[in-house]
Amino acid sequence: MGVVVKDMEITSTLPAAKIFKAFVLDSDELFPKVHPHAFKSIELVEGDGCAGSIKKITFAEEHIKHAKHRIDLLDKEKFIYHYTWIEGDALMNVFEKISYEIKFEAHHHGSVCKVTTKFFVIGDVKLDEEKLEAGKEKFIGLFRAIEAHVLGN
C-alpha cells in the first residue's frame, strides 16, 4: 500500500466560523440542497456526530452510489475537521481509504480552508492525476456552492 498526499487551499470572504459551520456542521443538510445532482442524502448511521461517528453518503451520480466516512476529529473551537472514507463505491477498488484533514483559519478579509488529502492506495495501483484533479475541482465547486448559499441567505 502506498500513500499519496495532496494539499490545497481555498480562500473565502466568509469568516472561518461561518464557513466551518456551513461546510462541516450543516453539511448533512446543505450538500444535498446545494448540489442535488451530486448528493441524494447524508445521514448519521452510527454515533453522535463527534469523533468515531459514521456517516453514509448516498450519491446521485450513476457510477458512484454510496460511501461511508468516519469522523476522526471535530474541533468546533479551532475549526478543524478530519474524516476518512472507509467504505463504498467512492473508493473505486483503488483505495483502501481516503483521509481528509480540513482546517479553517482567518485570512485577510475572510478565511482560508486548508485541506490535506491522503490517498491510501491498494497495492501498486498508479493514480490517474487527471482524476485526482477532477476530484479536487469537484471539492472546490462544492465549497463555492456552500459559500454562495451562505452569502445569499
C-alpha atoms as a PDB file:
ATOM      1  CA  MET A   1       0.000   0.000   0.000  1.00  0.00           C
ATOM      2  CA  GLY A   2       1.237   3.457  -0.898  1.00  0.00           C
ATOM      3  CA  VAL A   3       0.102   6.843   0.299  1.00  0.00           C
ATOM      4  CA  VAL A   4      -0.285   9.871  -1.942  1.00  0.00           C
ATOM      5  CA  VAL A   5      -0.712  13.242  -0.219  1.00  0.00           C
ATOM      6  CA  LYS A   6      -2.270  16.307  -1.856  1.00  0.00           C
ATOM      7  CA  ASP A   7      -2.685  19.757  -0.310  1.00  0.00           C
ATOM      8  CA  MET A   8      -4.861  22.669  -1.353  1.00  0.00           C
ATOM      9  CA  GLU A   9      -6.106  25.981  -0.005  1.00  0.00           C
ATOM     10  CA  ILE A  10      -9.382  27.721  -0.794  1.00  0.00           C
ATOM     11  CA  THR A  11      -9.960  31.317   0.278  1.00  0.00           C
ATOM     12  CA  SER A  12     -13.352  32.664   1.244  1.00  0.00           C
ATOM     13  CA  THR A  13     -14.783  36.071   2.030  1.00  0.00           C
ATOM     14  CA  LEU A  14     -16.712  34.455   4.901  1.00  0.00           C
ATOM     15  CA  PRO A  15     -15.287  34.337   8.424  1.00  0.00           C
ATOM     16  CA  ALA A  16     -13.812  30.957   9.411  1.00  0.00           C
ATOM     17  CA  ALA A  17     -16.564  30.260  11.964  1.00  0.00           C
ATOM     18  CA  LYS A  18     -19.329  30.849   9.426  1.00  0.00           C
ATOM     19  CA  ILE A  19     -17.919  28.755   6.564  1.00  0.00           C
ATOM     20  CA  PHE A  20     -16.919  25.988   9.030  1.00  0.00           C
ATOM     21  CA  LYS A  21     -20.484  25.838  10.339  1.00  0.00           C
ATOM     22  CA  ALA A  22     -21.955  25.624   6.841  1.00  0.00           C
ATOM     23  CA  PHE A  23     -19.367  23.330   5.214  1.00  0.00           C
ATOM     24  CA  VAL A  24     -18.884  20.973   8.182  1.00  0.00           C
ATOM     25  CA  LEU A  25     -21.574  21.249  10.835  1.00  0.00           C
ATOM     26  CA  ASP A  26     -24.517  21.787   8.458  1.00  0.00           C
ATOM     27  CA  SER A  27     -23.165  19.633   5.599  1.00  0.00           C
ATOM     28  CA  ASP A  28     -25.667  16.782   6.028  1.00  0.00           C
ATOM     29  CA  GLU A  29     -28.465  19.204   5.177  1.00  0.00           C
ATOM     30  CA  LEU A  30     -26.704  21.662   2.858  1.00  0.00           C
ATOM     31  CA  PHE A  31     -24.747  19.371   0.496  1.00  0.00           C
ATOM     32  CA  PRO A  32     -27.888  17.687  -0.944  1.00  0.00           C
ATOM     33  CA  LYS A  33     -29.658  21.063  -1.012  1.00  0.00           C
ATOM     34  CA  VAL A  34     -26.994  22.989  -2.953  1.00  0.00           C
ATOM     35  CA  HIS A  35     -25.687  20.048  -5.033  1.00  0.00           C
ATOM     36  CA  PRO A  36     -28.688  17.732  -5.610  1.00  0.00           C
ATOM     37  CA  HIS A  37     -27.123  16.437  -8.838  1.00  0.00           C
ATOM     38  CA  ALA A  38     -24.257  15.026  -6.743  1.00  0.00           C
ATOM     39  CA  PHE A  39     -25.785  14.178  -3.330  1.00  0.00           C
ATOM     40  CA  LYS A  40     -29.073  12.426  -2.587  1.00  0.00           C
ATOM     41  CA  SER A  41     -28.604  12.274   1.178  1.00  0.00           C
ATOM     42  CA  ILE A  42     -26.154  12.259   4.057  1.00  0.00           C
ATOM     43  CA  GLU A  43     -27.124  10.529   7.259  1.00  0.00           C
ATOM     44  CA  LEU A  44     -25.521   9.713  10.561  1.00  0.00           C
ATOM     45  CA  VAL A  45     -25.667   5.910  10.904  1.00  0.00           C
ATOM     46  CA  GLU A  46     -23.506   5.437  13.989  1.00  0.00           C
ATOM     47  CA  GLY A  47     -22.528   7.660  16.900  1.00  0.00           C
ATOM     48  CA  ASP A  48     -23.490  11.167  17.957  1.00  0.00           C
ATOM     49  CA  GLY A  49     -21.760  13.219  15.254  1.00  0.00           C
ATOM     50  CA  CYS A  50     -18.452  13.517  17.095  1.00  0.00           C
ATOM     51  CA  ALA A  51     -15.204  11.579  16.599  1.00  0.00           C
ATOM     52  CA  GLY A  52     -15.846   7.904  15.887  1.00  0.00           C
ATOM     53  CA  SER A  53     -19.241   8.525  14.275  1.00  0.00           C
ATOM     54  CA  ILE A  54     -20.047   7.077  10.850  1.00  0.00           C
ATOM     55  CA  LYS A  55     -21.953   8.883   8.098  1.00  0.00           C
ATOM     56  CA  LYS A  56     -23.471   7.321   4.996  1.00  0.00           C
ATOM     57  CA  ILE A  57     -23.478   9.417   1.832  1.00  0.00           C
ATOM     58  CA  THR A  58     -25.835   8.442  -0.981  1.00  0.00           C
ATOM     59  CA  PHE A  59     -24.809   9.982  -4.286  1.00  0.00           C
ATOM     60  CA  ALA A  60     -26.976  10.985  -7.220  1.00  0.00           C
ATOM     61  CA  GLU A  61     -24.266  10.010  -9.716  1.00  0.00           C
ATOM     62  CA  GLU A  62     -24.664   6.762 -11.650  1.00  0.00           C
ATOM     63  CA  HIS A  63     -21.136   5.371 -11.276  1.00  0.00           C
ATOM     64  CA  ILE A  64     -20.800   6.118  -7.553  1.00  0.00           C
ATOM     65  CA  LYS A  65     -23.777   5.118  -5.414  1.00  0.00           C
ATOM     66  CA  HIS A  66     -22.636   5.427  -1.807  1.00  0.00           C
ATOM     67  CA  ALA A  67     -19.801   5.845   0.641  1.00  0.00           C
ATOM     68  CA  LYS A  68     -19.307   5.795   4.360  1.00  0.00           C
ATOM     69  CA  HIS A  69     -16.971   8.038   6.233  1.00  0.00           C
ATOM     70  CA  ARG A  70     -15.758   8.050   9.804  1.00  0.00           C
ATOM     71  CA  ILE A  71     -15.324  11.295  11.682  1.00  0.00           C
ATOM     72  CA  ASP A  72     -11.800  11.231  13.117  1.00  0.00           C
ATOM     73  CA  LEU A  73     -11.691  14.704  14.700  1.00  0.00           C
ATOM     74  CA  LEU A  74     -14.194  17.513  15.102  1.00  0.00           C
ATOM     75  CA  ASP A  75     -12.904  20.613  16.899  1.00  0.00           C
ATOM     76  CA  LYS A  76     -15.599  23.291  16.834  1.00  0.00           C
ATOM     77  CA  GLU A  77     -13.432  25.877  18.604  1.00  0.00           C
ATOM     78  CA  LYS A  78     -10.398  25.557  16.314  1.00  0.00           C
ATOM     79  CA  PHE A  79     -12.488  24.880  13.164  1.00  0.00           C
ATOM     80  CA  ILE A  80     -10.786  21.553  12.399  1.00  0.00           C
ATOM     81  CA  TYR A  81     -12.469  18.545  10.824  1.00  0.00           C
ATOM     82  CA  HIS A  82     -10.803  15.243   9.912  1.00  0.00           C
ATOM     83  CA  TYR A  83     -12.671  12.367   8.352  1.00  0.00           C
ATOM     84  CA  THR A  84     -11.870   9.172   6.467  1.00  0.00           C
ATOM     85  CA  TRP A  85     -13.780   7.491   3.641  1.00  0.00           C
ATOM     86  CA  ILE A  86     -13.819   3.882   4.798  1.00  0.00           C
ATOM     87  CA  GLU A  87     -16.316   2.084   2.566  1.00  0.00           C
ATOM     88  CA  GLY A  88     -18.258   2.275  -0.671  1.00  0.00           C
ATOM     89  CA  ASP A  89     -18.130   2.905  -4.402  1.00  0.00           C
ATOM     90  CA  ALA A  90     -16.233   6.162  -3.865  1.00  0.00           C
ATOM     91  CA  LEU A  91     -13.114   4.106  -3.089  1.00  0.00           C
ATOM     92  CA  MET A  92     -13.374   2.587  -6.605  1.00  0.00           C
ATOM     93  CA  ASN A  93     -11.426  -0.577  -5.623  1.00  0.00           C
ATOM     94  CA  VAL A  94      -8.312   1.603  -5.880  1.00  0.00           C
ATOM     95  CA  PHE A  95      -8.128   2.986  -2.364  1.00  0.00           C
ATOM     96  CA  GLU A  96      -8.080   1.273   0.997  1.00  0.00           C
ATOM     97  CA  LYS A  97      -9.275   4.589   2.407  1.00  0.00           C
ATOM     98  CA  ILE A  98      -9.062   8.336   1.772  1.00  0.00           C
ATOM     99  CA  SER A  99      -8.443  10.716   4.667  1.00  0.00           C
ATOM    100  CA  TYR A 100      -9.199  14.428   4.709  1.00  0.00           C
ATOM    101  CA  GLU A 101      -7.780  16.940   7.179  1.00  0.00           C
ATOM    102  CA  ILE A 102      -9.623  20.256   6.903  1.00  0.00           C
ATOM    103  CA  LYS A 103      -8.848  23.410   8.847  1.00  0.00           C
ATOM    104  CA  PHE A 104     -10.432  26.854   8.542  1.00  0.00           C
ATOM    105  CA  GLU A 105      -8.367  29.896   9.566  1.00  0.00           C
ATOM    106  CA  ALA A 106      -8.791  33.664   9.497  1.00  0.00           C
ATOM    107  CA  HIS A 107      -7.195  35.170   6.386  1.00  0.00           C
ATOM    108  CA  HIS A 108      -7.118  38.817   5.228  1.00  0.00           C
ATOM    109  CA  HIS A 109     -10.773  39.746   4.611  1.00  0.00           C
ATOM    110  CA  GLY A 110     -12.260  36.347   5.332  1.00  0.00           C
ATOM    111  CA  SER A 111     -10.810  32.891   5.789  1.00  0.00           C
ATOM    112  CA  VAL A 112      -8.813  30.129   4.192  1.00  0.00           C
ATOM    113  CA  CYS A 113      -9.737  26.452   4.094  1.00  0.00           C
ATOM    114  CA  LYS A 114      -6.636  24.256   4.188  1.00  0.00           C
ATOM    115  CA  VAL A 115      -7.168  20.677   3.038  1.00  0.00           C
ATOM    116  CA  THR A 116      -4.747  17.767   3.161  1.00  0.00           C
ATOM    117  CA  THR A 117      -5.969  14.631   1.417  1.00  0.00           C
ATOM    118  CA  LYS A 118      -4.236  11.288   1.921  1.00  0.00           C
ATOM    119  CA  PHE A 119      -4.999   8.587  -0.616  1.00  0.00           C
ATOM    120  CA  PHE A 120      -4.151   5.112   0.711  1.00  0.00           C
ATOM    121  CA  VAL A 121      -3.679   3.138  -2.496  1.00  0.00           C
ATOM    122  CA  ILE A 122      -4.252  -0.626  -2.699  1.00  0.00           C
ATOM    123  CA  GLY A 123      -1.177  -2.475  -3.940  1.00  0.00           C
ATOM    124  CA  ASP A 124       0.817  -0.911  -6.757  1.00  0.00           C
ATOM    125  CA  VAL A 125      -2.065   0.926  -8.411  1.00  0.00           C
ATOM    126  CA  LYS A 126      -0.931   4.086 -10.176  1.00  0.00           C
ATOM    127  CA  LEU A 127      -3.169   7.074  -9.643  1.00  0.00           C
ATOM    128  CA  ASP A 128      -4.571   8.984 -12.572  1.00  0.00           C
ATOM    129  CA  GLU A 129      -3.555  12.625 -11.992  1.00  0.00           C
ATOM    130  CA  GLU A 130      -6.424  13.841 -14.192  1.00  0.00           C
ATOM    131  CA  LYS A 131      -8.949  12.049 -11.974  1.00  0.00           C
ATOM    132  CA  LEU A 132      -7.315  13.478  -8.851  1.00  0.00           C
ATOM    133  CA  GLU A 133      -7.504  16.962 -10.369  1.00  0.00           C
ATOM    134  CA  ALA A 134     -11.168  16.393 -11.304  1.00  0.00           C
ATOM    135  CA  GLY A 135     -11.884  15.356  -7.709  1.00  0.00           C
ATOM    136  CA  LYS A 136     -10.168  18.496  -6.450  1.00  0.00           C
ATOM    137  CA  GLU A 137     -12.274  20.633  -8.793  1.00  0.00           C
ATOM    138  CA  LYS A 138     -15.467  18.936  -7.538  1.00  0.00           C
ATOM    139  CA  PHE A 139     -14.433  19.694  -3.943  1.00  0.00           C
ATOM    140  CA  ILE A 140     -13.777  23.344  -4.815  1.00  0.00           C
ATOM    141  CA  GLY A 141     -17.097  23.535  -6.675  1.00  0.00           C
ATOM    142  CA  LEU A 142     -18.953  22.183  -3.649  1.00  0.00           C
ATOM    143  CA  PHE A 143     -17.119  24.630  -1.385  1.00  0.00           C
ATOM    144  CA  ARG A 144     -18.049  27.556  -3.661  1.00  0.00           C
ATOM    145  CA  ALA A 145     -21.679  26.406  -3.805  1.00  0.00           C
ATOM    146  CA  ILE A 146     -21.888  26.277   0.005  1.00  0.00           C
ATOM    147  CA  GLU A 147     -20.190  29.685   0.214  1.00  0.00           C
ATOM    148  CA  ALA A 148     -22.670  31.177  -2.286  1.00  0.00           C
ATOM    149  CA  HIS A 149     -25.589  29.663  -0.376  1.00  0.00           C
ATOM    150  CA  VAL A 150     -24.413  31.229   2.884  1.00  0.00           C
ATOM    151  CA  LEU A 151     -23.813  34.612   1.214  1.00  0.00           C
ATOM    152  CA  GLY A 152     -27.285  34.508  -0.336  1.00  0.00           C
ATOM    153  CA  ASN A 153     -29.151  33.605   2.842  1.00  0.00           C
END
